[in-house]
């Protein structure tokens, strides 16, 4: 996802950085801190995580950590935000390069990217958007999944011209919460995500959104039955 469409749940005012790095060297140092945080989350979990351990893994002085972050929560918040931006960017790139015959194929692509990031991106599984250590890592008011639903809403609106409404926000929030729970179960069953449950997650979201969109007359003509298959 290149520059994603704006969404209603902006978290720009919740930036965890005490200050933004002004030089390339400082920016690289902050990225090393986030990389170290991601690796440690996968290895030891959030409870055992500490700024000292992050500094040691990133090979920076502890003072460098506190120059940019007040505590470990702020670092995990920044890591979660980075994961979200990566997720949105990856989905956006697929939207730019792949043709979808319907919105449900786009939703499949979104789930595929989520599953692949769980498998391949350090720290992603530990800070998934719904069951993260802190449900408000991305925004002080909205829970993480509400923020994610807002970002996905913007993409679907831009790509498929769905009618923008409060109902669509509600449907996407329910869909993200429900699919997130099924995918979490898939990764508890299998470290790579148990394929039958991944497929069930796709079927669940297609069926639910298809039912809601059809009831409100927002399914493109000729595609009414396809999404639920």
Protein backbone atom coordinates (compact mmCIF):
# COMPACT_ATOMS: atom_id res chain seq x y z
CA UNK A 1 0.00 0.00 0.00
CA UNK A 2 1.63 3.16 -1.14
CA UNK A 3 0.34 6.22 0.63
CA UNK A 4 -2.90 4.76 2.03
CA UNK A 5 -6.17 6.65 1.97
CA UNK A 6 -6.90 8.59 5.11
CA UNK A 7 -9.01 6.96 7.79
CA UNK A 8 -11.09 8.15 10.67
CA UNK A 9 -8.90 6.58 13.33
CA UNK A 10 -5.69 8.53 12.82
CA UNK A 11 -2.93 7.79 15.29
CA UNK A 12 -0.52 10.54 14.20
CA UNK A 13 -1.03 12.36 17.50
CA UNK A 14 -0.08 9.19 19.36
CA UNK A 15 3.48 8.93 18.07
CA UNK A 16 5.49 7.05 20.74
CA UNK A 17 8.78 8.78 19.89
CA UNK A 18 9.92 11.48 22.28
CA UNK A 19 11.49 13.14 19.27
CA UNK A 20 11.94 12.18 15.66
CA UNK A 21 15.48 11.39 14.52
CA UNK A 22 16.79 14.31 12.48
CA UNK A 23 19.74 12.51 10.88
CA UNK A 24 19.99 9.32 8.87
CA UNK A 25 22.34 7.81 11.43
CA UNK A 26 19.83 8.43 14.22
CA UNK A 27 17.00 7.02 12.10
CA UNK A 28 19.00 3.85 11.49
CA UNK A 29 19.67 3.58 15.23
CA UNK A 30 15.94 3.81 15.99
CA UNK A 31 15.25 1.11 13.39
CA UNK A 32 17.84 -1.13 15.10
CA UNK A 33 16.02 -0.59 18.39
CA UNK A 34 12.72 -1.64 16.81
CA UNK A 35 14.35 -4.66 15.15
CA UNK A 36 15.85 -5.68 18.51
CA UNK A 37 12.47 -5.26 20.21
CA UNK A 38 10.84 -7.48 17.57
CA UNK A 39 13.44 -10.24 17.96
CA UNK A 40 13.20 -10.19 21.75
CA UNK A 41 9.41 -10.29 21.73
CA UNK A 42 9.56 -13.49 19.70
CA UNK A 43 12.24 -14.97 21.96
CA UNK A 44 11.24 -13.98 25.50
CA UNK A 45 7.83 -12.26 25.34
CA UNK A 46 6.65 -8.86 26.50
CA UNK A 47 6.84 -9.45 30.24
CA UNK A 48 10.57 -10.26 30.13
CA UNK A 49 11.28 -7.46 27.69
CA UNK A 50 13.24 -4.49 29.06
CA UNK A 51 14.89 -1.38 27.68
CA UNK A 52 18.25 -2.74 28.86
CA UNK A 53 17.80 -5.91 26.83
CA UNK A 54 16.71 -3.92 23.81
CA UNK A 55 19.77 -1.67 24.10
CA UNK A 56 22.09 -4.68 24.39
CA UNK A 57 20.54 -6.43 21.37
CA UNK A 58 20.56 -3.25 19.27
CA UNK A 59 24.15 -2.51 20.35
CA UNK A 60 23.31 1.00 21.51
CA UNK A 61 23.79 2.79 24.80
CA UNK A 62 20.81 2.74 27.16
CA UNK A 63 20.84 6.54 26.94
CA UNK A 64 20.10 6.25 23.23
CA UNK A 65 16.94 4.33 24.04
CA UNK A 66 15.70 7.01 26.42
CA UNK A 67 16.67 9.73 23.98
CA UNK A 68 13.87 8.49 21.75
CA UNK A 69 11.56 6.34 23.91
CA UNK A 70 10.39 6.76 27.53
CA UNK A 71 9.87 3.04 28.20
CA UNK A 72 9.38 -0.40 26.66
CA UNK A 73 5.70 0.24 26.02
CA UNK A 74 6.60 3.15 23.75
CA UNK A 75 9.02 0.95 21.82
CA UNK A 76 6.42 -1.78 21.35
CA UNK A 77 3.92 0.89 20.32
CA UNK A 78 6.34 2.15 17.66
CA UNK A 79 6.95 -1.43 16.52
CA UNK A 80 3.21 -2.05 16.21
CA UNK A 81 2.81 1.13 14.19
CA UNK A 82 5.65 0.02 11.91
CA UNK A 83 3.94 -3.36 11.49
CA UNK A 84 0.66 -1.68 10.59
CA UNK A 85 2.32 0.54 8.00
CA UNK A 86 4.14 -2.46 6.53
CA UNK A 87 0.88 -4.45 6.42
CA UNK A 88 -1.00 -1.60 4.73
CA UNK A 89 1.88 -1.05 2.28
CA UNK A 90 2.04 -4.72 1.33
CA UNK A 91 -1.69 -4.94 0.74
CA UNK A 92 -1.54 -1.69 -1.24
CA UNK A 93 1.17 -3.06 -3.50
CA UNK A 94 -0.98 -6.11 -4.23
CA UNK A 95 -3.93 -3.87 -5.01
CA UNK A 96 -1.72 -1.96 -7.46
CA UNK A 97 -0.35 -5.02 -9.26
CA UNK A 98 -3.20 -7.57 -9.14
CA UNK A 99 -6.65 -7.46 -10.71
CA UNK A 100 -9.58 -8.58 -8.56
CA UNK A 101 -12.92 -9.60 -10.00
CA UNK A 102 -14.62 -8.67 -6.73
CA UNK A 103 -14.00 -7.23 -3.29
CA UNK A 104 -13.87 -10.72 -1.73
CA UNK A 105 -10.72 -11.54 -3.72
CA UNK A 106 -9.19 -8.37 -2.30
CA UNK A 107 -10.18 -9.54 1.18
CA UNK A 108 -8.49 -12.90 0.50
CA UNK A 109 -5.33 -11.00 -0.46
CA UNK A 110 -5.48 -9.01 2.79
CA UNK A 111 -5.74 -12.22 4.83
CA UNK A 112 -2.90 -13.81 2.83
CA UNK A 113 -0.63 -10.86 3.65
CA UNK A 114 -1.58 -11.03 7.32
CA UNK A 115 -0.79 -14.75 7.43
CA UNK A 116 2.52 -14.29 5.60
CA UNK A 117 3.58 -11.51 7.99
CA UNK A 118 2.80 -13.78 10.93
CA UNK A 119 5.14 -16.33 9.40
CA UNK A 120 7.96 -14.07 8.29
CA UNK A 121 8.08 -10.70 10.07
CA UNK A 122 9.89 -10.71 13.46
CA UNK A 123 7.70 -9.48 16.30
CA UNK A 124 4.52 -9.43 14.23
CA UNK A 125 2.98 -12.46 15.87
CA UNK A 126 3.69 -11.09 19.34
CA UNK A 127 2.06 -7.76 18.55
CA UNK A 128 -0.87 -8.73 16.37
CA UNK A 129 -3.38 -5.95 16.18
CA UNK A 130 -6.21 -7.45 18.20
CA UNK A 131 -4.54 -9.51 20.91
CA UNK A 132 -1.51 -7.31 21.49
CA UNK A 133 -0.13 -6.70 24.94
CA UNK A 134 -1.97 -3.40 24.94
CA UNK A 135 -5.26 -3.00 23.06
CA UNK A 136 -4.59 0.74 22.67
CA UNK A 137 -1.06 0.64 21.29
CA UNK A 138 -2.10 2.46 18.11
CA UNK A 139 -4.52 5.02 19.50
CA UNK A 140 -5.30 6.17 23.02
CA UNK A 141 -9.07 6.01 22.42
CA UNK A 142 -9.72 3.41 19.71
CA UNK A 143 -8.67 -0.21 20.13
CA UNK A 144 -6.08 -1.52 17.71
CA UNK A 145 -8.55 -3.50 15.60
CA UNK A 146 -10.75 -0.43 15.19
CA UNK A 147 -7.76 1.41 13.79
CA UNK A 148 -6.96 -1.49 11.45
CA UNK A 149 -10.58 -1.67 10.29
CA UNK A 150 -10.42 2.04 9.49
CA UNK A 151 -7.30 1.59 7.38
CA UNK A 152 -8.80 -1.35 5.48
CA UNK A 153 -12.02 0.58 5.00
CA UNK A 154 -10.07 3.31 3.23
CA UNK A 155 -8.48 0.80 0.88
CA UNK A 156 -11.76 -0.93 0.03
CA UNK A 157 -13.51 2.39 -0.53
CA UNK A 158 -10.77 3.54 -2.88
CA UNK A 159 -10.62 0.27 -4.83
CA UNK A 160 -14.26 -0.79 -5.06
CA UNK A 161 -16.30 2.37 -4.54
CA UNK A 162 -18.34 0.98 -1.66
CA UNK A 163 -20.71 3.46 -0.08
CA UNK A 164 -19.03 5.16 2.87
CA UNK A 165 -21.17 4.79 5.95
CA UNK A 166 -21.13 4.16 9.68
CA UNK A 167 -22.52 0.71 8.91
CA UNK A 168 -19.47 -0.14 6.81
CA UNK A 169 -17.24 0.89 9.72
CA UNK A 170 -19.21 -1.43 12.01
CA UNK A 171 -19.11 -4.36 9.58
CA UNK A 172 -15.36 -4.06 9.05
CA UNK A 173 -14.73 -3.82 12.79
CA UNK A 174 -16.76 -6.99 13.38
CA UNK A 175 -15.01 -8.70 10.46
CA UNK A 176 -11.51 -7.78 11.67
CA UNK A 177 -12.28 -8.91 15.22
CA UNK A 178 -13.82 -12.19 14.09
CA UNK A 179 -11.19 -13.09 11.53
CA UNK A 180 -8.42 -12.08 13.93
CA UNK A 181 -9.74 -14.57 16.48
CA UNK A 182 -9.90 -17.40 13.93
CA UNK A 183 -6.40 -16.64 12.63
CA UNK A 184 -5.04 -16.53 16.18
CA UNK A 185 -6.45 -20.04 16.64
CA UNK A 186 -4.86 -21.10 13.34
CA UNK A 187 -1.44 -20.02 14.63
CA UNK A 188 -1.98 -21.71 17.96
CA UNK A 189 -2.70 -24.95 16.09
CA UNK A 190 0.27 -24.58 13.76
CA UNK A 191 3.23 -22.14 13.95
CA UNK A 192 2.73 -21.44 10.23
CA UNK A 193 -1.05 -21.07 10.52
CA UNK A 194 -3.21 -24.17 10.12
CA UNK A 195 -4.46 -23.96 6.49
CA UNK A 196 -8.03 -25.23 7.13
CA UNK A 197 -8.58 -22.47 9.71
CA UNK A 198 -7.07 -19.85 7.41
CA UNK A 199 -9.58 -20.91 4.76
CA UNK A 200 -12.40 -20.79 7.31
CA UNK A 201 -11.36 -17.23 8.21
CA UNK A 202 -11.68 -16.25 4.56
CA UNK A 203 -15.06 -17.97 4.25
CA UNK A 204 -16.29 -16.29 7.42
CA UNK A 205 -15.43 -12.76 6.30
CA UNK A 206 -16.78 -13.31 2.76
CA UNK A 207 -20.06 -14.64 4.06
CA UNK A 208 -20.52 -11.98 6.70
CA UNK A 209 -19.64 -8.99 4.54
CA UNK A 210 -21.57 -10.37 1.56
CA UNK A 211 -24.69 -10.72 3.71
CA UNK A 212 -24.38 -7.17 5.07
CA UNK A 213 -23.60 -5.58 1.71
CA UNK A 214 -26.39 -7.47 -0.08
CA UNK A 215 -28.89 -6.45 2.59
CA UNK A 216 -27.97 -2.82 1.99
CA UNK A 217 -27.82 -3.09 -1.80
CA UNK A 218 -24.07 -2.46 -1.97
CA UNK A 219 -22.95 -5.62 -3.82
CA UNK A 220 -22.06 -5.06 -7.51
CA UNK A 221 -24.61 -6.52 -9.90
CA UNK A 222 -23.78 -10.05 -11.00
CA UNK A 223 -21.61 -10.79 -7.95
CA UNK A 224 -24.28 -11.35 -5.31
CA UNK A 225 -23.57 -15.04 -4.77
CA UNK A 226 -19.87 -15.27 -5.54
CA UNK A 227 -18.45 -13.80 -2.37
CA UNK A 228 -19.94 -16.39 -0.06
CA UNK A 229 -18.47 -19.38 -1.90
